[in-house]
Amino acid sequence: MSDLPDDWHAWREQEDLARYDERFRRLAESGRNPHGEADLVASYAPVRVLDGGCGTGRVAIELARRGIGVLGVDADPDMITAARAKAPELEWVTADLADLDRPERFDVVVLAGNVVAYIAPERRARAVAACIAHLAPGGRLVAGFRLRPGWPTPDDHDRWCAAAGAVPEDRFATWERDPYAAGDYVVSVHRRDQGAAAT
């Protein structure tokens, strides 16, 4: 976990994993939907999804509950341990997205929960490119992250995606598809070129 950037370490030092999961349980108990990310991903009718920066597995587990094949990847071994404890039947991998090299190709790669921002700045473009390389032609990269000083901008993310062969398809302000209008959170959907060879 020492290779993760300072922003990540600062967040982890103040975040208890049990409390992190409890927040979403409370959302569900209050009648609110804690599965906006899974709803958006599922709307694309994927067969196979890579949950990059999967954390404790909330999104991946919900996708699997809906019958979607999932692979969860996170650079934080504690997060992967927590995810595996909740759903040992699923595949969980400890890996840096920038170095990801899997044989599978996915219909969707989802990066929820500020994943792009929590990648070390010098590795962000490489991580986005690796995620796009794991998409089947026509597959989608769906990334949501907060907009704050020093973190990536939508234009940064667009540029990294374009360099890796993916074009913008949609941009939202929330996982519920509210229109984006220069708010403090963005969900960007990029589609891999249909003609791209799955490498």
N, C-alpha and C. Protein backbone atom coordinates (compact mmCIF):
# COMPACT_ATOMS: atom_id res chain seq x y z
N MET A 1 0.83 -1.20 0.00
CA MET A 1 0.00 0.00 0.00
C MET A 1 0.87 1.26 0.00
N SER A 2 2.18 1.13 0.18
CA SER A 2 3.05 2.30 0.25
C SER A 2 3.16 3.01 -1.09
N ASP A 3 2.87 2.34 -2.21
CA ASP A 3 2.97 2.96 -3.52
C ASP A 3 1.76 3.83 -3.86
N LEU A 4 0.73 3.79 -3.03
CA LEU A 4 -0.45 4.61 -3.29
C LEU A 4 -0.15 6.07 -2.96
N PRO A 5 -0.83 7.01 -3.63
CA PRO A 5 -0.51 8.42 -3.46
C PRO A 5 -0.92 8.98 -2.10
N ASP A 6 -0.41 10.17 -1.80
CA ASP A 6 -0.64 10.79 -0.49
C ASP A 6 -2.13 11.02 -0.23
N ASP A 7 -2.89 11.45 -1.25
CA ASP A 7 -4.32 11.67 -1.06
C ASP A 7 -5.02 10.41 -0.55
N TRP A 8 -4.61 9.27 -1.09
CA TRP A 8 -5.21 8.00 -0.67
C TRP A 8 -4.86 7.70 0.78
N HIS A 9 -3.58 7.87 1.13
CA HIS A 9 -3.17 7.59 2.51
C HIS A 9 -3.90 8.49 3.49
N ALA A 10 -4.08 9.76 3.12
CA ALA A 10 -4.79 10.69 4.00
C ALA A 10 -6.23 10.23 4.22
N TRP A 11 -6.87 9.75 3.15
CA TRP A 11 -8.25 9.26 3.28
C TRP A 11 -8.30 8.00 4.13
N ARG A 12 -7.38 7.07 3.90
CA ARG A 12 -7.40 5.79 4.62
C ARG A 12 -7.10 5.96 6.10
N GLU A 13 -6.28 6.95 6.43
CA GLU A 13 -5.96 7.18 7.84
C GLU A 13 -7.18 7.64 8.64
N GLN A 14 -8.13 8.26 7.97
CA GLN A 14 -9.31 8.74 8.69
C GLN A 14 -10.54 7.89 8.43
N GLU A 15 -10.42 6.84 7.61
CA GLU A 15 -11.59 6.04 7.24
C GLU A 15 -11.48 4.63 7.78
N ASP A 16 -12.42 4.26 8.64
CA ASP A 16 -12.53 2.89 9.13
C ASP A 16 -13.36 2.09 8.14
N LEU A 17 -12.85 0.94 7.70
CA LEU A 17 -13.53 0.20 6.64
C LEU A 17 -14.93 -0.26 7.06
N ALA A 18 -15.09 -0.65 8.30
CA ALA A 18 -16.42 -1.06 8.77
C ALA A 18 -17.39 0.12 8.73
N ARG A 19 -16.91 1.28 9.14
CA ARG A 19 -17.76 2.47 9.11
C ARG A 19 -18.08 2.87 7.67
N TYR A 20 -17.12 2.68 6.78
CA TYR A 20 -17.32 2.98 5.35
C TYR A 20 -18.49 2.15 4.80
N ASP A 21 -18.50 0.86 5.07
CA ASP A 21 -19.59 0.00 4.61
C ASP A 21 -20.90 0.34 5.31
N GLU A 22 -20.83 0.68 6.58
CA GLU A 22 -22.03 0.99 7.34
C GLU A 22 -22.77 2.19 6.77
N ARG A 23 -22.05 3.13 6.21
CA ARG A 23 -22.68 4.31 5.62
C ARG A 23 -23.66 3.93 4.51
N PHE A 24 -23.29 2.96 3.72
CA PHE A 24 -24.18 2.54 2.62
C PHE A 24 -25.33 1.68 3.13
N ARG A 25 -25.10 0.93 4.20
CA ARG A 25 -26.21 0.19 4.81
C ARG A 25 -27.26 1.14 5.36
N ARG A 26 -26.81 2.23 5.97
CA ARG A 26 -27.74 3.22 6.50
C ARG A 26 -28.53 3.90 5.38
N LEU A 27 -27.88 4.14 4.26
CA LEU A 27 -28.58 4.72 3.11
C LEU A 27 -29.74 3.83 2.69
N ALA A 28 -29.47 2.52 2.58
CA ALA A 28 -30.50 1.58 2.16
C ALA A 28 -31.63 1.54 3.19
N GLU A 29 -31.27 1.54 4.47
CA GLU A 29 -32.30 1.47 5.51
C GLU A 29 -33.18 2.71 5.54
N SER A 30 -32.64 3.84 5.09
CA SER A 30 -33.42 5.08 5.08
C SER A 30 -34.31 5.18 3.84
N GLY A 31 -34.24 4.18 2.98
CA GLY A 31 -35.07 4.18 1.78
C GLY A 31 -34.40 4.78 0.57
N ARG A 32 -33.15 5.22 0.72
CA ARG A 32 -32.42 5.76 -0.42
C ARG A 32 -31.66 4.65 -1.14
N ASN A 33 -31.39 4.85 -2.40
CA ASN A 33 -30.73 3.84 -3.23
C ASN A 33 -29.21 3.95 -3.09
N PRO A 34 -28.55 2.92 -2.54
CA PRO A 34 -27.10 2.97 -2.42
C PRO A 34 -26.37 2.39 -3.64
N HIS A 35 -27.13 2.07 -4.69
CA HIS A 35 -26.55 1.33 -5.82
C HIS A 35 -26.63 2.09 -7.14
N GLY A 36 -26.45 3.41 -7.07
CA GLY A 36 -26.49 4.20 -8.30
C GLY A 36 -25.44 3.78 -9.30
N GLU A 37 -24.24 3.45 -8.81
CA GLU A 37 -23.17 3.02 -9.72
C GLU A 37 -23.56 1.73 -10.45
N ALA A 38 -24.06 0.76 -9.69
CA ALA A 38 -24.46 -0.51 -10.30
C ALA A 38 -25.63 -0.32 -11.25
N ASP A 39 -26.56 0.58 -10.90
CA ASP A 39 -27.70 0.84 -11.79
C ASP A 39 -27.22 1.37 -13.14
N LEU A 40 -26.29 2.33 -13.10
CA LEU A 40 -25.80 2.90 -14.35
C LEU A 40 -25.04 1.86 -15.17
N VAL A 41 -24.16 1.12 -14.52
CA VAL A 41 -23.40 0.08 -15.22
C VAL A 41 -24.34 -0.96 -15.82
N ALA A 42 -25.31 -1.42 -15.03
CA ALA A 42 -26.24 -2.46 -15.51
C ALA A 42 -27.08 -1.97 -16.68
N SER A 43 -27.29 -0.67 -16.79
CA SER A 43 -28.12 -0.15 -17.89
C SER A 43 -27.50 -0.40 -19.24
N TYR A 44 -26.20 -0.69 -19.27
CA TYR A 44 -25.53 -1.00 -20.53
C TYR A 44 -25.59 -2.49 -20.87
N ALA A 45 -26.29 -3.26 -20.06
CA ALA A 45 -26.47 -4.71 -20.27
C ALA A 45 -25.15 -5.45 -20.47
N PRO A 46 -24.18 -5.23 -19.58
CA PRO A 46 -22.90 -5.94 -19.75
C PRO A 46 -23.00 -7.40 -19.32
N VAL A 47 -22.18 -8.21 -19.93
CA VAL A 47 -22.03 -9.60 -19.49
C VAL A 47 -20.89 -9.70 -18.47
N ARG A 48 -19.85 -8.91 -18.69
CA ARG A 48 -18.66 -8.98 -17.84
C ARG A 48 -18.19 -7.57 -17.51
N VAL A 49 -17.91 -7.31 -16.23
CA VAL A 49 -17.51 -5.98 -15.77
C VAL A 49 -16.24 -6.09 -14.94
N LEU A 50 -15.33 -5.15 -15.17
CA LEU A 50 -14.17 -4.97 -14.31
C LEU A 50 -14.45 -3.80 -13.39
N ASP A 51 -14.46 -4.05 -12.09
CA ASP A 51 -14.64 -3.00 -11.09
C ASP A 51 -13.25 -2.59 -10.63
N GLY A 52 -12.73 -1.51 -11.22
CA GLY A 52 -11.39 -1.04 -10.90
C GLY A 52 -11.42 -0.13 -9.69
N GLY A 53 -10.51 -0.36 -8.75
CA GLY A 53 -10.58 0.37 -7.49
C GLY A 53 -11.83 -0.03 -6.74
N CYS A 54 -12.04 -1.34 -6.64
CA CYS A 54 -13.31 -1.90 -6.15
C CYS A 54 -13.54 -1.67 -4.66
N GLY A 55 -12.51 -1.26 -3.93
CA GLY A 55 -12.68 -1.04 -2.51
C GLY A 55 -13.13 -2.30 -1.80
N THR A 56 -14.12 -2.17 -0.94
CA THR A 56 -14.60 -3.32 -0.17
C THR A 56 -15.65 -4.13 -0.91
N GLY A 57 -15.84 -3.83 -2.20
CA GLY A 57 -16.63 -4.71 -3.06
C GLY A 57 -18.09 -4.37 -3.24
N ARG A 58 -18.53 -3.23 -2.73
CA ARG A 58 -19.97 -2.91 -2.76
C ARG A 58 -20.55 -2.97 -4.17
N VAL A 59 -19.91 -2.30 -5.14
CA VAL A 59 -20.46 -2.25 -6.50
C VAL A 59 -20.37 -3.62 -7.17
N ALA A 60 -19.22 -4.26 -7.06
CA ALA A 60 -19.04 -5.57 -7.69
C ALA A 60 -20.03 -6.60 -7.15
N ILE A 61 -20.23 -6.60 -5.85
CA ILE A 61 -21.15 -7.57 -5.24
C ILE A 61 -22.57 -7.33 -5.72
N GLU A 62 -22.97 -6.07 -5.84
CA GLU A 62 -24.31 -5.78 -6.33
C GLU A 62 -24.46 -6.18 -7.80
N LEU A 63 -23.44 -5.95 -8.61
CA LEU A 63 -23.50 -6.37 -10.01
C LEU A 63 -23.61 -7.89 -10.11
N ALA A 64 -22.83 -8.59 -9.30
CA ALA A 64 -22.90 -10.06 -9.30
C ALA A 64 -24.29 -10.53 -8.87
N ARG A 65 -24.89 -9.84 -7.90
CA ARG A 65 -26.24 -10.20 -7.46
C ARG A 65 -27.24 -10.10 -8.60
N ARG A 66 -26.95 -9.23 -9.56
CA ARG A 66 -27.83 -9.05 -10.72
C ARG A 66 -27.48 -9.99 -11.87
N GLY A 67 -26.55 -10.90 -11.63
CA GLY A 67 -26.22 -11.90 -12.64
C GLY A 67 -25.13 -11.49 -13.61
N ILE A 68 -24.39 -10.43 -13.29
CA ILE A 68 -23.32 -9.94 -14.15
C ILE A 68 -21.99 -10.49 -13.66
N GLY A 69 -21.17 -10.98 -14.56
CA GLY A 69 -19.85 -11.47 -14.19
C GLY A 69 -18.95 -10.30 -13.84
N VAL A 70 -18.23 -10.39 -12.72
CA VAL A 70 -17.40 -9.27 -12.27
C VAL A 70 -16.02 -9.74 -11.82
N LEU A 71 -15.05 -8.86 -12.01
CA LEU A 71 -13.72 -9.00 -11.44
C LEU A 71 -13.45 -7.73 -10.65
N GLY A 72 -13.08 -7.87 -9.39
CA GLY A 72 -12.77 -6.71 -8.55
C GLY A 72 -11.27 -6.55 -8.41
N VAL A 73 -10.78 -5.34 -8.65
CA VAL A 73 -9.35 -5.04 -8.58
C VAL A 73 -9.14 -3.81 -7.72
N ASP A 74 -8.19 -3.88 -6.79
CA ASP A 74 -7.84 -2.71 -5.98
C ASP A 74 -6.38 -2.82 -5.57
N ALA A 75 -5.73 -1.67 -5.47
CA ALA A 75 -4.32 -1.67 -5.06
C ALA A 75 -4.13 -1.80 -3.56
N ASP A 76 -5.20 -1.63 -2.79
CA ASP A 76 -5.14 -1.69 -1.33
C ASP A 76 -5.48 -3.11 -0.87
N PRO A 77 -4.51 -3.84 -0.35
CA PRO A 77 -4.78 -5.23 0.05
C PRO A 77 -5.81 -5.34 1.17
N ASP A 78 -5.91 -4.33 2.04
CA ASP A 78 -6.92 -4.38 3.10
C ASP A 78 -8.33 -4.32 2.50
N MET A 79 -8.49 -3.49 1.47
CA MET A 79 -9.78 -3.41 0.79
C MET A 79 -10.14 -4.75 0.15
N ILE A 80 -9.18 -5.35 -0.51
CA ILE A 80 -9.42 -6.64 -1.17
C ILE A 80 -9.76 -7.71 -0.13
N THR A 81 -9.08 -7.71 1.00
CA THR A 81 -9.38 -8.67 2.07
C THR A 81 -10.82 -8.50 2.55
N ALA A 82 -11.25 -7.25 2.71
CA ALA A 82 -12.63 -6.99 3.15
C ALA A 82 -13.63 -7.45 2.10
N ALA A 83 -13.34 -7.17 0.83
CA ALA A 83 -14.25 -7.59 -0.24
C ALA A 83 -14.34 -9.11 -0.31
N ARG A 84 -13.21 -9.77 -0.20
CA ARG A 84 -13.18 -11.24 -0.30
C ARG A 84 -13.93 -11.87 0.88
N ALA A 85 -13.86 -11.25 2.05
CA ALA A 85 -14.58 -11.77 3.20
C ALA A 85 -16.08 -11.70 2.99
N LYS A 86 -16.55 -10.66 2.29
CA LYS A 86 -17.98 -10.51 2.06
C LYS A 86 -18.48 -11.39 0.92
N ALA A 87 -17.63 -11.65 -0.07
CA ALA A 87 -18.06 -12.43 -1.24
C ALA A 87 -16.91 -13.30 -1.73
N PRO A 88 -16.61 -14.37 -0.99
CA PRO A 88 -15.47 -15.22 -1.36
C PRO A 88 -15.66 -15.95 -2.69
N GLU A 89 -16.89 -16.01 -3.16
CA GLU A 89 -17.15 -16.71 -4.43
C GLU A 89 -16.75 -15.88 -5.65
N LEU A 90 -16.51 -14.59 -5.45
CA LEU A 90 -16.10 -13.72 -6.55
C LEU A 90 -14.58 -13.64 -6.63
N GLU A 91 -14.08 -13.17 -7.77
CA GLU A 91 -12.63 -13.05 -7.94
C GLU A 91 -12.20 -11.63 -7.59
N TRP A 92 -11.23 -11.55 -6.67
CA TRP A 92 -10.70 -10.27 -6.21
C TRP A 92 -9.20 -10.28 -6.42
N VAL A 93 -8.65 -9.20 -6.97
CA VAL A 93 -7.23 -9.14 -7.30
C VAL A 93 -6.62 -7.87 -6.72
N THR A 94 -5.49 -8.02 -6.02
CA THR A 94 -4.74 -6.86 -5.57
C THR A 94 -3.78 -6.46 -6.68
N ALA A 95 -4.00 -5.28 -7.26
CA ALA A 95 -3.16 -4.83 -8.37
C ALA A 95 -3.32 -3.34 -8.58
N ASP A 96 -2.26 -2.72 -9.05
CA ASP A 96 -2.28 -1.33 -9.47
C ASP A 96 -2.88 -1.29 -10.88
N LEU A 97 -3.89 -0.46 -11.08
CA LEU A 97 -4.54 -0.42 -12.39
C LEU A 97 -3.57 -0.07 -13.51
N ALA A 98 -2.56 0.73 -13.22
CA ALA A 98 -1.61 1.11 -14.26
C ALA A 98 -0.80 -0.07 -14.77
N ASP A 99 -0.70 -1.11 -13.94
CA ASP A 99 0.06 -2.31 -14.32
C ASP A 99 -0.83 -3.50 -14.66
N LEU A 100 -2.13 -3.27 -14.76
CA LEU A 100 -3.07 -4.38 -14.95
C LEU A 100 -2.83 -5.07 -16.29
N ASP A 101 -2.77 -6.39 -16.26
CA ASP A 101 -2.56 -7.17 -17.48
C ASP A 101 -3.30 -8.49 -17.32
N ARG A 102 -4.58 -8.48 -17.69
CA ARG A 102 -5.44 -9.65 -17.58
C ARG A 102 -5.81 -10.16 -18.96
N PRO A 103 -6.10 -11.46 -19.10
CA PRO A 103 -6.47 -11.99 -20.42
C PRO A 103 -7.90 -11.64 -20.84
N GLU A 104 -8.78 -11.33 -19.85
CA GLU A 104 -10.19 -11.09 -20.16
C GLU A 104 -10.37 -9.72 -20.82
N ARG A 105 -11.48 -9.61 -21.57
CA ARG A 105 -11.93 -8.31 -22.07
C ARG A 105 -13.35 -8.10 -21.54
N PHE A 106 -13.66 -6.86 -21.18
CA PHE A 106 -14.88 -6.55 -20.45
C PHE A 106 -15.78 -5.63 -21.25
N ASP A 107 -17.07 -5.74 -20.98
CA ASP A 107 -18.05 -4.85 -21.61
C ASP A 107 -18.03 -3.47 -20.97
N VAL A 108 -17.77 -3.44 -19.67
CA VAL A 108 -17.66 -2.18 -18.92
C VAL A 108 -16.51 -2.29 -17.94
N VAL A 109 -15.72 -1.22 -17.86
CA VAL A 109 -14.81 -1.03 -16.73
C VAL A 109 -15.36 0.15 -15.95
N VAL A 110 -15.65 -0.06 -14.67
CA VAL A 110 -16.20 1.02 -13.84
C VAL A 110 -15.16 1.46 -12.82
N LEU A 111 -14.97 2.77 -12.72
CA LEU A 111 -14.06 3.38 -11.75
C LEU A 111 -14.90 4.33 -10.91
N ALA A 112 -15.41 3.84 -9.79
CA ALA A 112 -16.28 4.65 -8.92
C ALA A 112 -15.48 5.11 -7.71
N GLY A 113 -16.03 6.10 -6.99
CA GLY A 113 -15.42 6.49 -5.72
C GLY A 113 -14.06 7.15 -5.83
N ASN A 114 -13.90 8.06 -6.79
CA ASN A 114 -12.66 8.84 -6.92
C ASN A 114 -11.44 8.01 -7.28
N VAL A 115 -11.65 6.89 -7.95
CA VAL A 115 -10.53 6.01 -8.29
C VAL A 115 -9.48 6.75 -9.11
N VAL A 116 -9.91 7.46 -10.14
CA VAL A 116 -8.95 8.16 -11.00
C VAL A 116 -8.13 9.16 -10.20
N ALA A 117 -8.78 9.88 -9.31
CA ALA A 117 -8.09 10.89 -8.50
C ALA A 117 -7.11 10.28 -7.52
N TYR A 118 -7.39 9.07 -7.04
CA TYR A 118 -6.53 8.45 -6.06
C TYR A 118 -5.36 7.68 -6.67
N ILE A 119 -5.24 7.71 -7.97
CA ILE A 119 -4.05 7.16 -8.64
C ILE A 119 -2.97 8.25 -8.63
N ALA A 120 -1.72 7.86 -8.41
CA ALA A 120 -0.64 8.83 -8.41
C ALA A 120 -0.67 9.63 -9.72
N PRO A 121 -0.50 10.95 -9.66
CA PRO A 121 -0.65 11.79 -10.85
C PRO A 121 0.14 11.31 -12.06
N GLU A 122 1.37 10.88 -11.84
CA GLU A 122 2.21 10.47 -12.97
C GLU A 122 1.77 9.14 -13.58
N ARG A 123 0.83 8.43 -12.92
CA ARG A 123 0.38 7.12 -13.42
C ARG A 123 -1.07 7.13 -13.90
N ARG A 124 -1.74 8.28 -13.81
CA ARG A 124 -3.16 8.33 -14.16
C ARG A 124 -3.40 7.99 -15.63
N ALA A 125 -2.65 8.61 -16.53
CA ALA A 125 -2.85 8.35 -17.96
C ALA A 125 -2.61 6.87 -18.27
N ARG A 126 -1.58 6.30 -17.66
CA ARG A 126 -1.28 4.88 -17.89
C ARG A 126 -2.38 3.98 -17.35
N ALA A 127 -2.94 4.34 -16.19
CA ALA A 127 -4.01 3.54 -15.61
C ALA A 127 -5.27 3.59 -16.47
N VAL A 128 -5.63 4.78 -16.94
CA VAL A 128 -6.79 4.90 -17.82
C VAL A 128 -6.57 4.09 -19.09
N ALA A 129 -5.37 4.17 -19.66
CA ALA A 129 -5.08 3.41 -20.87
C ALA A 129 -5.18 1.90 -20.62
N ALA A 130 -4.72 1.45 -19.46
CA ALA A 130 -4.79 0.02 -19.15
C ALA A 130 -6.25 -0.42 -19.01
N CYS A 131 -7.07 0.42 -18.41
CA CYS A 131 -8.49 0.08 -18.28
C CYS A 131 -9.14 -0.03 -19.66
N ILE A 132 -8.85 0.92 -20.54
CA ILE A 132 -9.42 0.89 -21.89
C ILE A 132 -8.91 -0.31 -22.67
N ALA A 133 -7.65 -0.67 -22.47
CA ALA A 133 -7.10 -1.86 -23.14
C ALA A 133 -7.81 -3.14 -22.74
N HIS A 134 -8.45 -3.13 -21.56
CA HIS A 134 -9.18 -4.32 -21.10
C HIS A 134 -10.64 -4.32 -21.53
N LEU A 135 -11.05 -3.33 -22.31
CA LEU A 135 -12.41 -3.31 -22.86
C LEU A 135 -12.47 -4.06 -24.17
N ALA A 136 -13.58 -4.75 -24.38
CA ALA A 136 -13.88 -5.26 -25.71
C ALA A 136 -14.16 -4.08 -26.62
N PRO A 137 -13.94 -4.21 -27.93
CA PRO A 137 -14.31 -3.12 -28.83
C PRO A 137 -15.77 -2.72 -28.62
N GLY A 138 -16.00 -1.43 -28.47
CA GLY A 138 -17.35 -0.94 -28.17
C GLY A 138 -17.68 -0.91 -26.70
N GLY A 139 -16.78 -1.43 -25.86
CA GLY A 139 -17.02 -1.42 -24.42
C GLY A 139 -16.85 -0.03 -23.83
N ARG A 140 -17.34 0.15 -22.62
CA ARG A 140 -17.38 1.47 -21.99
C ARG A 140 -16.53 1.55 -20.72
N LEU A 141 -15.83 2.67 -20.60
CA LEU A 141 -15.18 3.04 -19.36
C LEU A 141 -16.08 4.07 -18.68
N VAL A 142 -16.51 3.76 -17.45
CA VAL A 142 -17.41 4.64 -16.70
C VAL A 142 -16.68 5.06 -15.43
N ALA A 143 -16.37 6.35 -15.35
CA ALA A 143 -15.54 6.84 -14.24
C ALA A 143 -16.22 8.01 -13.55
N GLY A 144 -16.34 7.92 -12.23
CA GLY A 144 -16.91 9.01 -11.45
C GLY A 144 -15.90 9.52 -10.44
N PHE A 145 -15.73 10.84 -10.38
CA PHE A 145 -14.79 11.39 -9.41
C PHE A 145 -15.14 12.85 -9.09
N ARG A 146 -14.75 13.22 -7.87
CA ARG A 146 -14.99 14.58 -7.40
C ARG A 146 -14.02 15.54 -8.08
N LEU A 147 -14.46 16.77 -8.29
CA LEU A 147 -13.62 17.80 -8.90
C LEU A 147 -13.14 18.75 -7.81
N ARG A 148 -11.84 18.77 -7.59
CA ARG A 148 -11.27 19.62 -6.56
C ARG A 148 -9.86 19.99 -6.97
N PRO A 149 -9.29 21.05 -6.40
CA PRO A 149 -7.96 21.50 -6.81
C PRO A 149 -6.92 20.38 -6.69
N GLY A 150 -6.11 20.24 -7.73
CA GLY A 150 -5.06 19.23 -7.74
C GLY A 150 -5.50 17.87 -8.23
N TRP A 151 -6.80 17.67 -8.39
CA TRP A 151 -7.32 16.40 -8.89
C TRP A 151 -7.61 16.52 -10.38
N PRO A 152 -7.81 15.40 -11.06
CA PRO A 152 -8.05 15.47 -12.51
C PRO A 152 -9.31 16.27 -12.85
N THR A 153 -9.29 16.88 -14.01
CA THR A 153 -10.45 17.57 -14.54
C THR A 153 -11.12 16.68 -15.59
N PRO A 154 -12.36 16.97 -15.95
CA PRO A 154 -12.97 16.22 -17.05
C PRO A 154 -12.15 16.28 -18.32
N ASP A 155 -11.53 17.43 -18.61
CA ASP A 155 -10.69 17.55 -19.80
C ASP A 155 -9.46 16.65 -19.72
N ASP A 156 -8.86 16.57 -18.53
CA ASP A 156 -7.73 15.64 -18.35
C ASP A 156 -8.16 14.22 -18.70
N HIS A 157 -9.29 13.81 -18.12
CA HIS A 157 -9.76 12.44 -18.33
C HIS A 157 -10.10 12.20 -19.80
N ASP A 158 -10.74 13.17 -20.44
CA ASP A 158 -11.04 13.05 -21.87
C ASP A 158 -9.76 12.84 -22.68
N ARG A 159 -8.73 13.60 -22.33
CA ARG A 159 -7.47 13.52 -23.07
C ARG A 159 -6.82 12.15 -22.91
N TRP A 160 -6.82 11.62 -21.68
CA TRP A 160 -6.23 10.30 -21.46
C TRP A 160 -7.01 9.22 -22.21
N CYS A 161 -8.33 9.35 -22.19
CA CYS A 161 -9.16 8.38 -22.90
C CYS A 161 -8.92 8.44 -24.41
N ALA A 162 -8.86 9.64 -24.95
CA ALA A 162 -8.64 9.81 -26.39
C ALA A 162 -7.31 9.19 -26.81
N ALA A 163 -6.28 9.39 -25.99
CA ALA A 163 -4.96 8.84 -26.32
C ALA A 163 -4.97 7.32 -26.33
N ALA A 164 -5.91 6.73 -25.58
CA ALA A 164 -6.00 5.26 -25.49
C ALA A 164 -7.05 4.67 -26.43
N GLY A 165 -7.68 5.51 -27.24
CA GLY A 165 -8.63 4.99 -28.24
C GLY A 165 -10.07 4.91 -27.79
N ALA A 166 -10.48 5.79 -26.87
CA ALA A 166 -11.87 5.81 -26.43
C ALA A 166 -12.44 7.21 -26.62
N VAL A 167 -13.69 7.28 -27.04
CA VAL A 167 -14.34 8.56 -27.33
C VAL A 167 -15.43 8.84 -26.30
N PRO A 168 -15.67 10.14 -26.00
CA PRO A 168 -16.72 10.47 -25.03
C PRO A 168 -18.10 10.11 -25.54
N GLU A 169 -18.90 9.52 -24.66
CA GLU A 169 -20.27 9.15 -25.02
C GLU A 169 -21.29 9.91 -24.19
N ASP A 170 -21.04 10.04 -22.87
CA ASP A 170 -21.97 10.75 -21.97
C ASP A 170 -21.18 11.37 -20.84
N ARG A 171 -21.79 12.39 -20.23
CA ARG A 171 -21.23 12.99 -19.02
C ARG A 171 -22.38 13.38 -18.12
N PHE A 172 -22.31 12.95 -16.86
CA PHE A 172 -23.37 13.21 -15.90
C PHE A 172 -22.80 13.86 -14.65
N ALA A 173 -23.69 14.45 -13.86
CA ALA A 173 -23.30 15.03 -12.57
C ALA A 173 -23.43 14.04 -11.43
N THR A 174 -24.19 12.96 -11.66
CA THR A 174 -24.41 11.93 -10.64
C THR A 174 -24.51 10.59 -11.33
N TRP A 175 -24.48 9.54 -10.52
CA TRP A 175 -24.66 8.19 -11.06
C TRP A 175 -26.11 7.95 -11.49
N GLU A 176 -27.00 8.84 -11.09
CA GLU A 176 -28.41 8.74 -11.49
C GLU A 176 -28.67 9.46 -12.81
N ARG A 177 -27.61 9.88 -13.50
CA ARG A 177 -27.68 10.51 -14.83
C ARG A 177 -28.20 11.94 -14.81
N ASP A 178 -28.10 12.64 -13.70
CA ASP A 178 -28.42 14.06 -13.71
C ASP A 178 -27.45 14.77 -14.66
N PRO A 179 -27.94 15.73 -15.44
CA PRO A 179 -27.07 16.40 -16.41
C PRO A 179 -25.89 17.10 -15.74
N TYR A 180 -24.74 17.04 -16.37
CA TYR A 180 -23.56 17.71 -15.84
C TYR A 180 -23.56 19.17 -16.27
N ALA A 181 -23.37 20.06 -15.30
CA ALA A 181 -23.31 21.49 -15.60
C ALA A 181 -22.28 22.15 -14.69
N ALA A 182 -21.03 21.72 -14.84
CA ALA A 182 -19.92 22.34 -14.10
C ALA A 182 -20.08 22.25 -12.59
N GLY A 183 -20.55 21.12 -12.09
CA GLY A 183 -20.65 20.92 -10.65
C GLY A 183 -19.34 20.42 -10.08
N ASP A 184 -19.43 19.82 -8.87
CA ASP A 184 -18.21 19.36 -8.20
C ASP A 184 -18.01 17.85 -8.28
N TYR A 185 -18.83 17.18 -9.11
CA TYR A 185 -18.68 15.74 -9.31
C TYR A 185 -19.04 15.43 -10.75
N VAL A 186 -18.31 14.49 -11.34
CA VAL A 186 -18.56 14.14 -12.74
C VAL A 186 -18.54 12.63 -12.89
N VAL A 187 -19.43 12.13 -13.73
CA VAL A 187 -19.41 10.73 -14.16
C VAL A 187 -19.27 10.76 -15.67
N SER A 188 -18.14 10.29 -16.16
CA SER A 188 -17.87 10.32 -17.59
C SER A 188 -17.92 8.91 -18.17
N VAL A 189 -18.55 8.80 -19.33
CA VAL A 189 -18.65 7.53 -20.04
C VAL A 189 -17.91 7.67 -21.36
N HIS A 190 -16.91 6.81 -21.56
CA HIS A 190 -16.16 6.78 -22.81
C HIS A 190 -16.29 5.39 -23.43
N ARG A 191 -16.38 5.37 -24.74
CA ARG A 191 -16.57 4.11 -25.45
C ARG A 191 -15.34 3.77 -26.28
N ARG A 192 -14.89 2.54 -26.15
CA ARG A 192 -13.73 2.11 -26.94
C ARG A 192 -14.11 1.99 -28.40
N ASP A 193 -13.24 2.45 -29.26
CA ASP A 193 -13.47 2.40 -30.69
C ASP A 193 -13.88 0.99 -31.12
N GLN A 194 -14.99 0.91 -31.86
CA GLN A 194 -15.50 -0.39 -32.33
C GLN A 194 -14.47 -1.14 -33.14
N GLY A 195 -13.61 -0.40 -33.83
CA GLY A 195 -12.61 -1.06 -34.68
C GLY A 195 -11.35 -1.43 -33.96
N ALA A 196 -11.26 -1.10 -32.68
CA ALA A 196 -10.03 -1.39 -31.94
C ALA A 196 -9.88 -2.88 -31.73
N ALA A 197 -8.70 -3.36 -31.91
CA ALA A 197 -8.43 -4.78 -31.69
C ALA A 197 -8.30 -5.04 -30.20
N ALA A 198 -8.94 -6.08 -29.70
CA ALA A 198 -8.79 -6.48 -28.30
C ALA A 198 -7.44 -7.13 -28.13
N THR A 199 -6.56 -6.47 -27.42
CA THR A 199 -5.19 -6.97 -27.29
C THR A 199 -5.00 -7.76 -26.01
